[in-house]
C-alpha cells in the first residue's frame, strides 16, 4: 500500500465503531482517531484483506445521547499487523460536509475539556 503524508492532525475518538465491507463480508473495527480527510481503524480481524481499492464503511457512535451514523467511501493508506488483528489508516475519497461538521464538533469538545 502506498504511504501518504497526512495533511491534518488526527483527533483521538472514543466509543465509535465501524463496519467495513470488502465485497464479500462485513468486518467490524474500532475508530481510533479521525480528521476531516481520514481516520484509523484498529482491531480489524487479520483475515480482512486490505487491497488498494475503495471500500464502503459505516462509522457509528453516540454524541450527547444522539446516535450517529456516517457512511463513507474510503481508500486504505497503510496497515499495521498485530497478533490477531490489524490497524488500517484510511483516506476518505469524497468527504461529506456532515463529516466535516462532526470532526469540528469533536475537536471543539476536546478543546473545551482542556
Protein backbone atom coordinates (compact mmCIF):
# COMPACT_ATOMS: atom_id res chain seq x y z
CA UNK A 1 0.00 0.00 0.00
CA UNK A 2 1.12 3.48 -0.75
CA UNK A 3 2.29 5.58 2.17
CA UNK A 4 0.82 9.09 2.11
CA UNK A 5 1.72 12.19 4.07
CA UNK A 6 -1.04 13.17 6.48
CA UNK A 7 -2.34 16.68 5.79
CA UNK A 8 -4.06 17.16 9.15
CA UNK A 9 -3.53 16.02 12.70
CA UNK A 10 -5.76 13.21 13.87
CA UNK A 11 -8.17 13.66 16.78
CA UNK A 12 -8.50 10.80 19.28
CA UNK A 13 -12.00 9.34 19.32
CA UNK A 14 -13.66 7.15 21.97
CA UNK A 15 -16.69 4.88 21.70
CA UNK A 16 -17.11 4.83 17.91
CA UNK A 17 -17.21 1.62 15.88
CA UNK A 18 -17.01 0.95 12.16
CA UNK A 19 -18.31 -1.71 9.81
CA UNK A 20 -16.39 -2.14 6.57
CA UNK A 21 -17.44 -4.23 3.58
CA UNK A 22 -14.89 -5.89 1.29
CA UNK A 23 -17.44 -7.08 -1.26
CA UNK A 24 -17.96 -10.49 0.38
CA UNK A 25 -18.07 -9.87 4.13
CA UNK A 26 -18.57 -7.09 6.63
CA UNK A 27 -15.90 -6.64 9.31
CA UNK A 28 -16.02 -4.60 12.50
CA UNK A 29 -13.31 -2.32 13.88
CA UNK A 30 -12.74 0.43 16.42
CA UNK A 31 -12.31 4.04 15.27
CA UNK A 32 -9.12 5.23 17.00
CA UNK A 33 -8.72 8.71 15.57
CA UNK A 34 -10.20 10.95 12.89
CA UNK A 35 -9.58 14.02 10.76
CA UNK A 36 -11.69 15.66 8.09
CA UNK A 37 -9.79 13.67 5.45
CA UNK A 38 -9.38 10.24 7.09
CA UNK A 39 -9.22 8.00 10.13
CA UNK A 40 -7.58 4.95 11.69
CA UNK A 41 -9.40 1.70 12.43
CA UNK A 42 -7.96 -0.74 14.93
CA UNK A 43 -8.88 -4.28 15.89
CA UNK A 44 -9.92 -5.33 12.38
CA UNK A 45 -9.69 -9.12 12.02
CA UNK A 46 -6.43 -10.13 10.35
CA UNK A 47 -8.47 -12.02 7.72
CA UNK A 48 -9.64 -8.64 6.38
CA UNK A 49 -7.61 -8.47 3.17
CA UNK A 50 -6.57 -4.85 2.70
CA UNK A 51 -6.47 -4.18 -1.04
CA UNK A 52 -5.73 -0.91 -2.88
CA UNK A 53 -9.41 -0.33 -3.67
CA UNK A 54 -12.34 1.75 -2.47
CA UNK A 55 -14.35 0.43 0.47
CA UNK A 56 -17.72 1.40 1.89
CA UNK A 57 -17.64 2.00 5.63
CA UNK A 58 -20.21 2.99 8.23
CA UNK A 59 -18.97 4.69 11.40
CA UNK A 60 -21.39 4.82 14.31
CA UNK A 61 -21.40 6.14 17.84
CA UNK A 62 -23.15 8.49 20.22
CA UNK A 63 -22.74 12.20 20.92
CA UNK A 64 -24.87 13.96 23.52
CA UNK A 65 -27.22 10.92 23.65
CA UNK A 66 -27.83 11.08 19.89
CA UNK A 67 -26.89 8.00 17.86
CA UNK A 68 -24.85 9.00 14.79
CA UNK A 69 -24.06 7.14 11.55
CA UNK A 70 -21.65 8.23 8.83
CA UNK A 71 -21.46 6.30 5.56
CA UNK A 72 -18.14 6.97 3.82
CA UNK A 73 -16.23 5.78 0.77
CA UNK A 74 -12.61 5.24 1.75
CA UNK A 75 -9.25 4.11 0.39
CA UNK A 76 -6.59 2.41 2.58
CA UNK A 77 -3.28 4.26 3.03
CA UNK A 78 -1.36 2.00 5.41
CA UNK A 79 -1.74 -1.07 7.60
CA UNK A 80 -0.04 -2.45 10.70
CA UNK A 81 -0.24 -6.11 11.63
CA UNK A 82 -0.77 -7.02 15.28
CA UNK A 83 -1.08 -10.51 16.80
CA UNK A 84 -4.62 -11.38 15.70
CA UNK A 85 -5.77 -8.08 14.23
CA UNK A 86 -4.69 -5.22 12.00
CA UNK A 87 -4.82 -1.43 12.20
CA UNK A 88 -5.57 0.40 8.95
CA UNK A 89 -5.37 4.07 8.06
CA UNK A 90 -7.98 5.25 5.56
CA UNK A 91 -8.38 8.34 3.40
CA UNK A 92 -11.97 9.46 2.71
CA UNK A 93 -12.36 9.73 -1.07
CA UNK A 94 -15.31 12.15 -1.08
CA UNK A 95 -15.68 13.97 2.23
CA UNK A 96 -19.31 14.80 3.09
CA UNK A 97 -19.94 18.19 4.73
CA UNK A 98 -21.74 16.33 7.54
CA UNK A 99 -18.48 14.50 8.37
CA UNK A 100 -16.52 17.79 8.39
CA UNK A 101 -19.03 19.25 10.89
CA UNK A 102 -18.74 16.14 13.07
CA UNK A 103 -14.92 16.40 13.18
CA UNK A 104 -15.15 20.11 14.07
CA UNK A 105 -17.61 19.32 16.89
CA UNK A 106 -15.33 16.61 18.31
CA UNK A 107 -12.34 18.97 18.13
CA UNK A 108 -14.29 21.74 19.92
CA UNK A 109 -15.40 19.29 22.64
CA UNK A 110 -11.82 18.21 23.24
CA UNK A 111 -10.56 21.80 23.35
CA UNK A 112 -13.22 22.66 25.94
CA UNK A 113 -12.12 19.70 28.09
CA UNK A 114 -8.57 21.13 28.24
